[in-house]
N, C-alpha and C. Protein backbone atom coordinates (compact mmCIF):
# COMPACT_ATOMS: atom_id res chain seq x y z
N MET A 1 0.85 -1.20 0.00
CA MET A 1 0.00 0.00 0.00
C MET A 1 0.87 1.23 0.00
N SER A 2 0.60 2.15 -0.91
CA SER A 2 1.38 3.37 -1.01
C SER A 2 1.14 4.27 0.20
N PRO A 3 2.19 4.95 0.68
CA PRO A 3 2.01 5.87 1.80
C PRO A 3 1.52 7.24 1.39
N VAL A 4 1.20 7.43 0.15
CA VAL A 4 0.70 8.71 -0.32
C VAL A 4 -0.58 8.48 -1.09
N GLY A 5 -1.39 9.52 -1.31
CA GLY A 5 -2.71 9.32 -1.89
C GLY A 5 -2.86 9.92 -3.26
N GLY A 6 -3.92 9.50 -3.95
CA GLY A 6 -4.30 10.10 -5.21
C GLY A 6 -3.85 9.33 -6.43
N GLY A 7 -4.56 9.49 -7.54
CA GLY A 7 -4.14 9.00 -8.85
C GLY A 7 -4.05 7.51 -8.99
N VAL A 8 -3.00 7.08 -9.68
CA VAL A 8 -2.76 5.67 -9.98
C VAL A 8 -1.47 5.24 -9.30
N ASP A 9 -1.51 4.09 -8.65
CA ASP A 9 -0.36 3.54 -7.94
C ASP A 9 0.27 2.46 -8.81
N LEU A 10 1.47 2.73 -9.33
CA LEU A 10 2.20 1.78 -10.18
C LEU A 10 3.43 1.31 -9.43
N ALA A 11 3.58 -0.01 -9.28
CA ALA A 11 4.68 -0.55 -8.49
C ALA A 11 5.32 -1.73 -9.19
N PHE A 12 6.58 -1.94 -8.86
CA PHE A 12 7.37 -3.09 -9.30
C PHE A 12 7.63 -3.96 -8.08
N ARG A 13 7.40 -5.27 -8.19
CA ARG A 13 7.57 -6.18 -7.05
C ARG A 13 8.49 -7.34 -7.42
N ALA A 14 9.41 -7.66 -6.52
CA ALA A 14 10.26 -8.85 -6.64
C ALA A 14 10.12 -9.63 -5.34
N GLU A 15 9.86 -10.94 -5.42
CA GLU A 15 9.64 -11.70 -4.21
C GLU A 15 10.18 -13.12 -4.32
N HIS A 16 10.44 -13.69 -3.16
CA HIS A 16 10.88 -15.09 -3.06
C HIS A 16 10.04 -15.73 -1.96
N LEU A 17 9.28 -16.78 -2.29
CA LEU A 17 8.35 -17.40 -1.35
C LEU A 17 8.51 -18.92 -1.35
N ARG A 18 8.17 -19.52 -0.20
CA ARG A 18 8.14 -20.97 -0.07
C ARG A 18 6.76 -21.38 0.45
N SER A 19 6.19 -22.42 -0.15
CA SER A 19 4.91 -22.95 0.31
C SER A 19 4.86 -24.43 -0.04
N ASP A 20 3.80 -25.11 0.42
CA ASP A 20 3.62 -26.53 0.15
C ASP A 20 2.37 -26.75 -0.67
N HIS A 21 2.49 -27.53 -1.73
CA HIS A 21 1.34 -27.98 -2.49
C HIS A 21 1.13 -29.45 -2.16
N CYS A 22 -0.04 -29.78 -1.62
CA CYS A 22 -0.31 -31.14 -1.17
C CYS A 22 -1.18 -31.88 -2.17
N TYR A 23 -0.65 -32.98 -2.68
CA TYR A 23 -1.37 -33.84 -3.60
C TYR A 23 -2.06 -34.94 -2.79
N ALA A 24 -2.69 -35.89 -3.47
CA ALA A 24 -3.44 -36.93 -2.77
C ALA A 24 -2.53 -37.78 -1.89
N ALA A 25 -1.31 -38.03 -2.36
CA ALA A 25 -0.44 -38.96 -1.64
C ALA A 25 0.64 -38.25 -0.81
N ARG A 26 1.00 -37.02 -1.14
CA ARG A 26 2.12 -36.37 -0.47
C ARG A 26 2.12 -34.88 -0.76
N CYS A 27 2.97 -34.17 -0.04
CA CYS A 27 3.15 -32.74 -0.26
C CYS A 27 4.49 -32.48 -0.94
N ARG A 28 4.51 -31.49 -1.79
CA ARG A 28 5.74 -31.09 -2.46
C ARG A 28 6.03 -29.64 -2.12
N GLU A 29 7.25 -29.38 -1.77
CA GLU A 29 7.65 -28.01 -1.44
C GLU A 29 7.85 -27.19 -2.71
N GLN A 30 7.32 -25.99 -2.69
CA GLN A 30 7.46 -25.08 -3.83
C GLN A 30 8.25 -23.85 -3.39
N ARG A 31 9.27 -23.53 -4.13
CA ARG A 31 10.01 -22.28 -3.91
C ARG A 31 9.89 -21.48 -5.20
N ARG A 32 9.42 -20.25 -5.08
CA ARG A 32 9.18 -19.48 -6.29
C ARG A 32 9.76 -18.08 -6.19
N LYS A 33 10.29 -17.65 -7.32
CA LYS A 33 10.75 -16.28 -7.47
C LYS A 33 9.83 -15.59 -8.46
N ARG A 34 9.33 -14.43 -8.08
CA ARG A 34 8.31 -13.76 -8.87
C ARG A 34 8.72 -12.30 -9.07
N VAL A 35 8.61 -11.84 -10.31
CA VAL A 35 8.93 -10.45 -10.65
C VAL A 35 7.79 -9.91 -11.50
N GLY A 36 7.25 -8.75 -11.13
CA GLY A 36 6.14 -8.23 -11.91
C GLY A 36 5.75 -6.82 -11.51
N PHE A 37 4.64 -6.38 -12.12
CA PHE A 37 4.14 -5.03 -11.93
C PHE A 37 2.74 -5.07 -11.32
N GLU A 38 2.42 -4.02 -10.58
CA GLU A 38 1.10 -3.87 -9.98
C GLU A 38 0.56 -2.49 -10.32
N LEU A 39 -0.72 -2.42 -10.67
CA LEU A 39 -1.37 -1.16 -11.02
C LEU A 39 -2.68 -1.06 -10.26
N TYR A 40 -2.77 -0.10 -9.34
CA TYR A 40 -3.98 0.09 -8.54
C TYR A 40 -4.52 1.51 -8.74
N GLU A 41 -5.83 1.61 -8.78
CA GLU A 41 -6.50 2.91 -8.77
C GLU A 41 -6.51 3.38 -7.33
N ALA A 42 -5.85 4.52 -7.06
CA ALA A 42 -5.61 4.94 -5.68
C ALA A 42 -6.30 6.25 -5.32
N ALA A 43 -7.22 6.73 -6.14
CA ALA A 43 -7.87 8.01 -5.86
C ALA A 43 -8.73 7.95 -4.61
N ARG A 44 -9.38 6.81 -4.35
CA ARG A 44 -10.21 6.64 -3.16
C ARG A 44 -9.58 5.58 -2.27
N VAL A 45 -9.23 5.97 -1.06
CA VAL A 45 -8.53 5.03 -0.20
C VAL A 45 -9.44 3.90 0.27
N GLN A 46 -10.78 4.13 0.29
CA GLN A 46 -11.69 3.10 0.80
C GLN A 46 -11.82 1.91 -0.14
N VAL A 47 -11.79 2.16 -1.46
CA VAL A 47 -11.94 1.08 -2.43
C VAL A 47 -10.93 1.30 -3.55
N GLN A 48 -9.95 0.38 -3.66
CA GLN A 48 -8.90 0.52 -4.67
C GLN A 48 -8.76 -0.80 -5.44
N PRO A 49 -9.36 -0.89 -6.64
CA PRO A 49 -9.19 -2.09 -7.47
C PRO A 49 -7.84 -2.06 -8.17
N GLY A 50 -7.33 -3.24 -8.49
CA GLY A 50 -6.02 -3.30 -9.14
C GLY A 50 -5.84 -4.51 -10.03
N LEU A 51 -4.83 -4.42 -10.87
CA LEU A 51 -4.40 -5.50 -11.76
C LEU A 51 -2.90 -5.70 -11.56
N PHE A 52 -2.45 -6.95 -11.72
CA PHE A 52 -1.03 -7.21 -11.61
C PHE A 52 -0.66 -8.44 -12.43
N GLY A 53 0.61 -8.59 -12.70
CA GLY A 53 1.09 -9.72 -13.48
C GLY A 53 2.59 -9.68 -13.62
N GLY A 54 3.14 -10.78 -14.13
CA GLY A 54 4.59 -10.83 -14.32
C GLY A 54 5.06 -12.23 -14.61
N TRP A 55 6.31 -12.48 -14.23
CA TRP A 55 6.98 -13.73 -14.55
C TRP A 55 7.33 -14.47 -13.27
N ILE A 56 7.35 -15.80 -13.37
CA ILE A 56 7.61 -16.62 -12.19
C ILE A 56 8.56 -17.76 -12.55
N ARG A 57 9.47 -18.06 -11.65
CA ARG A 57 10.34 -19.23 -11.76
C ARG A 57 10.07 -20.09 -10.52
N LEU A 58 9.76 -21.35 -10.75
CA LEU A 58 9.32 -22.24 -9.68
C LEU A 58 10.24 -23.45 -9.57
N ARG A 59 10.59 -23.79 -8.32
CA ARG A 59 11.34 -25.03 -8.05
C ARG A 59 10.47 -25.91 -7.18
N GLN A 60 10.27 -27.14 -7.59
CA GLN A 60 9.42 -28.08 -6.85
C GLN A 60 10.27 -29.25 -6.36
N ASP A 61 10.26 -29.47 -5.04
CA ASP A 61 11.03 -30.55 -4.44
C ASP A 61 10.08 -31.62 -3.94
N ASP A 62 10.34 -32.86 -4.33
CA ASP A 62 9.56 -34.00 -3.88
C ASP A 62 10.46 -34.86 -3.01
N PRO A 63 10.37 -34.73 -1.68
CA PRO A 63 11.30 -35.47 -0.80
C PRO A 63 11.14 -36.98 -0.90
N ARG A 64 9.97 -37.48 -1.24
CA ARG A 64 9.77 -38.93 -1.30
C ARG A 64 10.58 -39.56 -2.43
N ASP A 65 10.58 -38.88 -3.60
CA ASP A 65 11.30 -39.41 -4.77
C ASP A 65 12.66 -38.78 -4.97
N ASP A 66 13.04 -37.85 -4.08
CA ASP A 66 14.31 -37.13 -4.21
C ASP A 66 14.42 -36.51 -5.61
N VAL A 67 13.33 -35.85 -6.04
CA VAL A 67 13.26 -35.24 -7.37
C VAL A 67 13.09 -33.73 -7.21
N ARG A 68 13.82 -32.99 -8.00
CA ARG A 68 13.70 -31.53 -8.01
C ARG A 68 13.36 -31.08 -9.43
N LEU A 69 12.23 -30.40 -9.58
CA LEU A 69 11.78 -29.94 -10.89
C LEU A 69 11.85 -28.41 -10.94
N ARG A 70 12.11 -27.89 -12.12
CA ARG A 70 12.17 -26.44 -12.30
C ARG A 70 11.20 -26.03 -13.41
N PHE A 71 10.49 -24.95 -13.16
CA PHE A 71 9.46 -24.46 -14.08
C PHE A 71 9.63 -22.96 -14.30
N ASP A 72 9.17 -22.51 -15.45
CA ASP A 72 9.09 -21.09 -15.76
C ASP A 72 7.71 -20.79 -16.30
N GLY A 73 7.22 -19.58 -16.03
CA GLY A 73 5.91 -19.21 -16.53
C GLY A 73 5.54 -17.79 -16.18
N HIS A 74 4.25 -17.57 -16.03
CA HIS A 74 3.75 -16.21 -15.78
C HIS A 74 2.53 -16.27 -14.86
N TYR A 75 2.12 -15.11 -14.41
CA TYR A 75 0.95 -15.01 -13.54
C TYR A 75 0.20 -13.73 -13.86
N LEU A 76 -1.11 -13.76 -13.61
CA LEU A 76 -1.99 -12.60 -13.77
C LEU A 76 -2.97 -12.59 -12.61
N GLY A 77 -3.36 -11.39 -12.17
CA GLY A 77 -4.27 -11.36 -11.06
C GLY A 77 -5.04 -10.05 -10.96
N VAL A 78 -6.06 -10.09 -10.10
CA VAL A 78 -6.85 -8.90 -9.78
C VAL A 78 -6.88 -8.77 -8.27
N GLY A 79 -6.96 -7.54 -7.80
CA GLY A 79 -6.95 -7.31 -6.37
C GLY A 79 -7.89 -6.18 -5.97
N LEU A 80 -8.16 -6.13 -4.69
CA LEU A 80 -8.98 -5.06 -4.12
C LEU A 80 -8.45 -4.78 -2.72
N ARG A 81 -8.21 -3.51 -2.43
CA ARG A 81 -7.74 -3.15 -1.10
C ARG A 81 -8.54 -1.96 -0.58
N SER A 82 -8.65 -1.89 0.74
CA SER A 82 -9.44 -0.84 1.39
C SER A 82 -8.68 -0.36 2.61
N HIS A 83 -8.48 0.96 2.68
CA HIS A 83 -7.75 1.57 3.78
C HIS A 83 -8.75 2.40 4.60
N LEU A 84 -9.05 1.91 5.81
CA LEU A 84 -10.03 2.56 6.66
C LEU A 84 -9.34 3.50 7.64
N PHE A 85 -9.95 4.65 7.87
CA PHE A 85 -9.39 5.68 8.77
C PHE A 85 -7.99 6.10 8.31
N ALA A 86 -7.84 6.31 7.00
CA ALA A 86 -6.52 6.54 6.43
C ALA A 86 -5.87 7.83 6.91
N SER A 87 -6.64 8.79 7.36
CA SER A 87 -6.06 10.06 7.80
C SER A 87 -5.53 10.01 9.22
N ALA A 88 -5.82 8.92 9.95
CA ALA A 88 -5.39 8.81 11.34
C ALA A 88 -4.02 8.15 11.43
N PRO A 89 -3.25 8.44 12.50
CA PRO A 89 -1.94 7.77 12.67
C PRO A 89 -2.05 6.26 12.77
N LEU A 90 -3.17 5.76 13.32
CA LEU A 90 -3.42 4.33 13.40
C LEU A 90 -4.66 4.01 12.57
N SER A 91 -4.49 3.21 11.53
CA SER A 91 -5.60 2.89 10.63
C SER A 91 -5.63 1.39 10.36
N LEU A 92 -6.58 0.97 9.52
CA LEU A 92 -6.73 -0.44 9.17
C LEU A 92 -6.65 -0.61 7.67
N LEU A 93 -5.98 -1.67 7.25
CA LEU A 93 -5.86 -1.96 5.83
C LEU A 93 -6.26 -3.41 5.57
N ALA A 94 -7.21 -3.60 4.66
CA ALA A 94 -7.65 -4.94 4.26
C ALA A 94 -7.45 -5.09 2.76
N SER A 95 -7.05 -6.28 2.33
CA SER A 95 -6.85 -6.51 0.90
C SER A 95 -7.17 -7.96 0.56
N THR A 96 -7.55 -8.17 -0.69
CA THR A 96 -7.77 -9.51 -1.20
C THR A 96 -7.30 -9.57 -2.64
N SER A 97 -6.85 -10.73 -3.07
CA SER A 97 -6.37 -10.87 -4.45
C SER A 97 -6.65 -12.29 -4.94
N LEU A 98 -6.86 -12.41 -6.24
CA LEU A 98 -7.04 -13.69 -6.91
C LEU A 98 -6.02 -13.75 -8.03
N THR A 99 -5.14 -14.76 -7.99
CA THR A 99 -4.03 -14.86 -8.94
C THR A 99 -4.07 -16.19 -9.66
N TRP A 100 -3.87 -16.13 -10.98
CA TRP A 100 -3.77 -17.33 -11.83
C TRP A 100 -2.32 -17.52 -12.23
N TYR A 101 -1.80 -18.73 -12.02
CA TYR A 101 -0.42 -19.07 -12.36
C TYR A 101 -0.41 -20.15 -13.43
N SER A 102 0.57 -20.07 -14.32
CA SER A 102 0.78 -21.11 -15.32
C SER A 102 2.28 -21.25 -15.56
N VAL A 103 2.81 -22.46 -15.29
CA VAL A 103 4.24 -22.71 -15.47
C VAL A 103 4.43 -24.04 -16.17
N SER A 104 5.58 -24.22 -16.81
CA SER A 104 5.90 -25.48 -17.48
C SER A 104 7.39 -25.74 -17.34
N GLY A 105 7.77 -27.02 -17.43
CA GLY A 105 9.17 -27.39 -17.32
C GLY A 105 9.40 -28.80 -17.80
N ASP A 106 10.68 -29.17 -17.93
CA ASP A 106 11.07 -30.50 -18.37
C ASP A 106 11.67 -31.27 -17.20
N ALA A 107 11.43 -32.58 -17.18
CA ALA A 107 12.00 -33.46 -16.16
C ALA A 107 12.34 -34.79 -16.81
N GLU A 108 13.00 -35.67 -16.04
CA GLU A 108 13.34 -36.98 -16.57
C GLU A 108 12.09 -37.75 -16.97
N ALA A 109 10.99 -37.48 -16.26
CA ALA A 109 9.73 -38.17 -16.58
C ALA A 109 9.00 -37.53 -17.75
N GLY A 110 9.53 -36.45 -18.29
CA GLY A 110 8.90 -35.76 -19.41
C GLY A 110 8.46 -34.37 -19.02
N GLU A 111 7.79 -33.71 -19.96
CA GLU A 111 7.33 -32.35 -19.71
C GLU A 111 6.19 -32.35 -18.69
N SER A 112 6.12 -31.24 -17.94
CA SER A 112 5.07 -31.10 -16.94
C SER A 112 4.60 -29.66 -16.93
N GLU A 113 3.30 -29.47 -16.73
CA GLU A 113 2.70 -28.14 -16.64
C GLU A 113 1.88 -28.04 -15.35
N ILE A 114 1.93 -26.88 -14.73
CA ILE A 114 1.16 -26.63 -13.51
C ILE A 114 0.34 -25.37 -13.71
N GLU A 115 -0.93 -25.45 -13.39
CA GLU A 115 -1.81 -24.27 -13.37
C GLU A 115 -2.56 -24.27 -12.05
N TRP A 116 -2.63 -23.10 -11.43
CA TRP A 116 -3.39 -23.02 -10.19
C TRP A 116 -3.90 -21.61 -9.93
N LEU A 117 -4.93 -21.55 -9.11
CA LEU A 117 -5.52 -20.30 -8.65
C LEU A 117 -5.20 -20.12 -7.17
N GLU A 118 -4.91 -18.88 -6.81
CA GLU A 118 -4.55 -18.57 -5.43
C GLU A 118 -5.39 -17.39 -4.95
N LEU A 119 -6.13 -17.61 -3.87
CA LEU A 119 -6.94 -16.56 -3.26
C LEU A 119 -6.28 -16.18 -1.94
N LEU A 120 -5.94 -14.90 -1.80
CA LEU A 120 -5.20 -14.43 -0.63
C LEU A 120 -5.92 -13.22 -0.03
N GLY A 121 -6.09 -13.23 1.28
CA GLY A 121 -6.67 -12.10 1.99
C GLY A 121 -5.77 -11.67 3.13
N ARG A 122 -5.69 -10.36 3.37
CA ARG A 122 -4.87 -9.82 4.45
C ARG A 122 -5.66 -8.76 5.21
N PHE A 123 -5.39 -8.67 6.52
CA PHE A 123 -6.04 -7.65 7.33
C PHE A 123 -5.14 -7.32 8.51
N GLY A 124 -4.99 -6.00 8.77
CA GLY A 124 -4.19 -5.62 9.92
C GLY A 124 -4.06 -4.12 10.06
N PRO A 125 -3.56 -3.65 11.20
CA PRO A 125 -3.40 -2.22 11.45
C PRO A 125 -2.18 -1.64 10.74
N VAL A 126 -2.25 -0.33 10.52
CA VAL A 126 -1.15 0.44 9.93
C VAL A 126 -0.81 1.58 10.88
N VAL A 127 0.48 1.73 11.19
CA VAL A 127 0.94 2.83 12.04
C VAL A 127 1.80 3.75 11.18
N ARG A 128 1.44 5.03 11.14
CA ARG A 128 2.19 6.01 10.35
C ARG A 128 3.08 6.83 11.27
N LEU A 129 4.37 6.83 10.95
CA LEU A 129 5.35 7.62 11.70
C LEU A 129 6.10 8.50 10.72
N GLY A 130 5.49 9.60 10.34
CA GLY A 130 6.10 10.48 9.34
C GLY A 130 6.16 9.79 7.98
N ASP A 131 7.36 9.62 7.46
CA ASP A 131 7.56 8.97 6.15
C ASP A 131 7.65 7.45 6.26
N LEU A 132 7.47 6.91 7.45
CA LEU A 132 7.50 5.46 7.65
C LEU A 132 6.10 4.95 7.95
N TRP A 133 5.74 3.85 7.28
CA TRP A 133 4.48 3.16 7.57
C TRP A 133 4.82 1.75 8.02
N LEU A 134 4.25 1.34 9.16
CA LEU A 134 4.42 -0.02 9.67
C LEU A 134 3.08 -0.73 9.57
N HIS A 135 3.07 -1.88 8.92
CA HIS A 135 1.83 -2.61 8.68
C HIS A 135 2.06 -4.08 9.01
N ALA A 136 1.22 -4.66 9.87
CA ALA A 136 1.34 -6.07 10.23
C ALA A 136 -0.06 -6.64 10.42
N GLY A 137 -0.19 -7.94 10.28
CA GLY A 137 -1.51 -8.52 10.46
C GLY A 137 -1.55 -9.99 10.11
N LEU A 138 -2.77 -10.47 9.85
CA LEU A 138 -3.03 -11.86 9.55
C LEU A 138 -3.36 -12.05 8.07
N SER A 139 -3.07 -13.23 7.56
CA SER A 139 -3.38 -13.55 6.16
C SER A 139 -4.05 -14.91 6.09
N ALA A 140 -4.88 -15.09 5.07
CA ALA A 140 -5.55 -16.36 4.81
C ALA A 140 -5.36 -16.70 3.34
N LEU A 141 -5.02 -17.95 3.06
CA LEU A 141 -4.65 -18.36 1.71
C LEU A 141 -5.42 -19.62 1.32
N ARG A 142 -5.88 -19.62 0.09
CA ARG A 142 -6.50 -20.82 -0.50
C ARG A 142 -5.91 -21.01 -1.88
N SER A 143 -5.37 -22.20 -2.16
CA SER A 143 -4.72 -22.45 -3.44
C SER A 143 -5.12 -23.82 -3.95
N ASP A 144 -5.58 -23.89 -5.19
CA ASP A 144 -5.99 -25.15 -5.82
C ASP A 144 -5.53 -25.18 -7.27
N GLY A 145 -5.07 -26.35 -7.72
CA GLY A 145 -4.63 -26.44 -9.10
C GLY A 145 -4.35 -27.86 -9.53
N ASP A 146 -3.76 -27.99 -10.73
CA ASP A 146 -3.46 -29.30 -11.31
C ASP A 146 -2.08 -29.29 -11.93
N GLN A 147 -1.41 -30.44 -11.80
CA GLN A 147 -0.14 -30.67 -12.47
C GLN A 147 -0.35 -31.76 -13.51
N ASP A 148 -0.08 -31.44 -14.77
CA ASP A 148 -0.28 -32.37 -15.88
C ASP A 148 1.07 -32.80 -16.43
N TRP A 149 1.16 -34.09 -16.81
CA TRP A 149 2.39 -34.66 -17.35
C TRP A 149 2.20 -35.00 -18.82
N ALA A 150 3.32 -35.14 -19.53
CA ALA A 150 3.27 -35.39 -20.98
C ALA A 150 2.62 -36.73 -21.29
N ASP A 151 2.68 -37.69 -20.37
CA ASP A 151 2.08 -39.01 -20.63
C ASP A 151 0.58 -39.04 -20.38
N GLY A 152 -0.01 -37.88 -20.05
CA GLY A 152 -1.44 -37.80 -19.82
C GLY A 152 -1.86 -37.86 -18.37
N ALA A 153 -0.93 -38.17 -17.48
CA ALA A 153 -1.26 -38.22 -16.05
C ALA A 153 -1.52 -36.82 -15.52
N SER A 154 -2.39 -36.73 -14.53
CA SER A 154 -2.74 -35.44 -13.94
C SER A 154 -2.91 -35.60 -12.43
N GLU A 155 -2.44 -34.62 -11.68
CA GLU A 155 -2.56 -34.64 -10.23
C GLU A 155 -3.15 -33.33 -9.75
N HIS A 156 -4.07 -33.42 -8.80
CA HIS A 156 -4.68 -32.23 -8.20
C HIS A 156 -3.97 -31.93 -6.89
N PHE A 157 -3.82 -30.64 -6.55
CA PHE A 157 -3.18 -30.28 -5.29
C PHE A 157 -3.92 -29.13 -4.64
N ARG A 158 -3.61 -28.93 -3.38
CA ARG A 158 -4.13 -27.80 -2.63
C ARG A 158 -3.03 -27.31 -1.69
N GLU A 159 -3.21 -26.10 -1.16
CA GLU A 159 -2.24 -25.56 -0.22
C GLU A 159 -2.35 -26.29 1.11
N ASP A 160 -1.20 -26.58 1.72
CA ASP A 160 -1.18 -27.35 2.96
C ASP A 160 -1.62 -26.52 4.16
N ARG A 161 -1.05 -25.32 4.31
CA ARG A 161 -1.39 -24.45 5.44
C ARG A 161 -2.13 -23.22 4.91
N ASN A 162 -3.21 -22.85 5.57
CA ASN A 162 -4.08 -21.81 5.03
C ASN A 162 -3.96 -20.46 5.72
N TYR A 163 -3.25 -20.40 6.84
CA TYR A 163 -3.21 -19.15 7.60
C TYR A 163 -1.78 -18.74 7.90
N GLY A 164 -1.59 -17.46 8.10
CA GLY A 164 -0.26 -16.96 8.39
C GLY A 164 -0.30 -15.51 8.83
N GLY A 165 0.86 -14.88 8.81
CA GLY A 165 0.97 -13.48 9.19
C GLY A 165 1.96 -12.77 8.30
N PHE A 166 1.98 -11.46 8.40
CA PHE A 166 2.89 -10.67 7.58
C PHE A 166 3.29 -9.41 8.34
N ALA A 167 4.40 -8.81 7.91
CA ALA A 167 4.86 -7.53 8.43
C ALA A 167 5.45 -6.75 7.27
N ARG A 168 5.19 -5.45 7.25
CA ARG A 168 5.62 -4.63 6.12
C ARG A 168 6.10 -3.27 6.63
N LEU A 169 7.22 -2.83 6.10
CA LEU A 169 7.75 -1.49 6.34
C LEU A 169 7.78 -0.75 5.02
N THR A 170 7.08 0.37 4.95
CA THR A 170 7.05 1.20 3.75
C THR A 170 7.68 2.55 4.05
N VAL A 171 8.60 2.97 3.17
CA VAL A 171 9.33 4.22 3.35
C VAL A 171 9.02 5.15 2.18
N ARG A 172 8.55 6.35 2.47
CA ARG A 172 8.33 7.33 1.42
C ARG A 172 9.65 7.99 1.08
N VAL A 173 10.05 7.93 -0.20
CA VAL A 173 11.34 8.48 -0.61
C VAL A 173 11.22 9.90 -1.16
N ASP A 174 10.02 10.28 -1.64
CA ASP A 174 9.74 11.65 -2.04
C ASP A 174 8.23 11.85 -2.00
N GLU A 175 7.71 12.89 -2.63
CA GLU A 175 6.28 13.19 -2.53
C GLU A 175 5.39 12.11 -3.13
N THR A 176 5.87 11.39 -4.14
CA THR A 176 5.04 10.38 -4.80
C THR A 176 5.67 9.00 -4.86
N GLY A 177 6.88 8.83 -4.38
CA GLY A 177 7.56 7.54 -4.48
C GLY A 177 7.74 6.86 -3.14
N TYR A 178 7.81 5.52 -3.16
CA TYR A 178 7.97 4.76 -1.93
C TYR A 178 8.67 3.43 -2.21
N VAL A 179 9.23 2.85 -1.15
CA VAL A 179 9.84 1.53 -1.19
C VAL A 179 9.28 0.72 -0.03
N GLY A 180 8.91 -0.52 -0.28
CA GLY A 180 8.34 -1.37 0.76
C GLY A 180 9.12 -2.66 0.93
N PHE A 181 9.24 -3.12 2.16
CA PHE A 181 9.93 -4.37 2.50
C PHE A 181 8.93 -5.25 3.27
N ASN A 182 8.71 -6.47 2.78
CA ASN A 182 7.66 -7.33 3.31
C ASN A 182 8.21 -8.68 3.75
N LEU A 183 7.72 -9.18 4.88
CA LEU A 183 8.02 -10.52 5.37
C LEU A 183 6.71 -11.28 5.54
N GLU A 184 6.72 -12.58 5.21
CA GLU A 184 5.53 -13.41 5.37
C GLU A 184 5.88 -14.71 6.07
N GLY A 185 4.93 -15.23 6.83
CA GLY A 185 5.12 -16.51 7.51
C GLY A 185 3.81 -17.26 7.58
N GLY A 186 3.89 -18.57 7.82
CA GLY A 186 2.69 -19.40 7.89
C GLY A 186 2.42 -20.11 6.59
N ALA A 187 1.27 -19.80 5.97
CA ALA A 187 0.90 -20.46 4.71
C ALA A 187 1.95 -20.23 3.63
N ARG A 188 2.51 -19.03 3.62
CA ARG A 188 3.61 -18.72 2.71
C ARG A 188 4.73 -18.12 3.54
N GLU A 189 5.97 -18.51 3.27
CA GLU A 189 7.12 -17.98 3.97
C GLU A 189 8.06 -17.33 2.97
N GLY A 190 8.50 -16.10 3.27
CA GLY A 190 9.42 -15.45 2.36
C GLY A 190 9.42 -13.96 2.53
N PHE A 191 9.91 -13.28 1.50
CA PHE A 191 10.05 -11.83 1.57
C PHE A 191 9.85 -11.24 0.17
N SER A 192 9.58 -9.94 0.12
CA SER A 192 9.46 -9.24 -1.14
C SER A 192 9.86 -7.80 -0.96
N VAL A 193 10.23 -7.17 -2.07
CA VAL A 193 10.57 -5.75 -2.11
C VAL A 193 9.70 -5.09 -3.16
N VAL A 194 9.12 -3.94 -2.82
CA VAL A 194 8.24 -3.22 -3.72
C VAL A 194 8.76 -1.79 -3.89
N MET A 195 8.81 -1.35 -5.14
CA MET A 195 9.17 0.03 -5.44
C MET A 195 8.03 0.64 -6.25
N GLY A 196 7.43 1.72 -5.76
CA GLY A 196 6.26 2.27 -6.43
C GLY A 196 6.25 3.77 -6.50
N ARG A 197 5.32 4.25 -7.32
CA ARG A 197 5.14 5.69 -7.49
C ARG A 197 3.71 5.97 -7.88
N LEU A 198 3.18 7.09 -7.39
CA LEU A 198 1.83 7.52 -7.75
C LEU A 198 1.88 8.57 -8.85
N PHE A 199 0.93 8.45 -9.77
CA PHE A 199 0.84 9.38 -10.90
C PHE A 199 -0.52 10.05 -10.91
């Protein structure tokens, strides 16, 4: 969330996350690096719709078979965020997003493709200290998808852990620009850096 108001909020995000995708027989660890852009309408702090997308590199580890797979692909999503009591030093920020992922890669067993949808919600207080914004709270995650193999086999998966928390520090660098540093734990573990500007 930008620490300044008005116009359009355009940001660049780079992140590294770890999560588990659980299939019928076992869970596989996923480590992903994601780079992309976010565009939110920021004129009204109470309701801010947005679009985002970019590129993703995914590593999938299967401890049972001692197999490591690598995938490349892209993601697209829509989001909605609401900042309540935005003019006060202590306010509330809620957000939700729906993201579609599609990745593909090669393995000894042949080509494999993964597609999944991820629904993420966040809620928590924001403390404003001049040019610094501190934001922390709870998150809820739901993820469902399919992994298809070249031989026609298909596996369905879901996210193993559905709840977690986050912490974010946002620094305003000038009247319209900001940099954010984010940590996540629980359903997703990792960090991200956001650089944005309002127009």
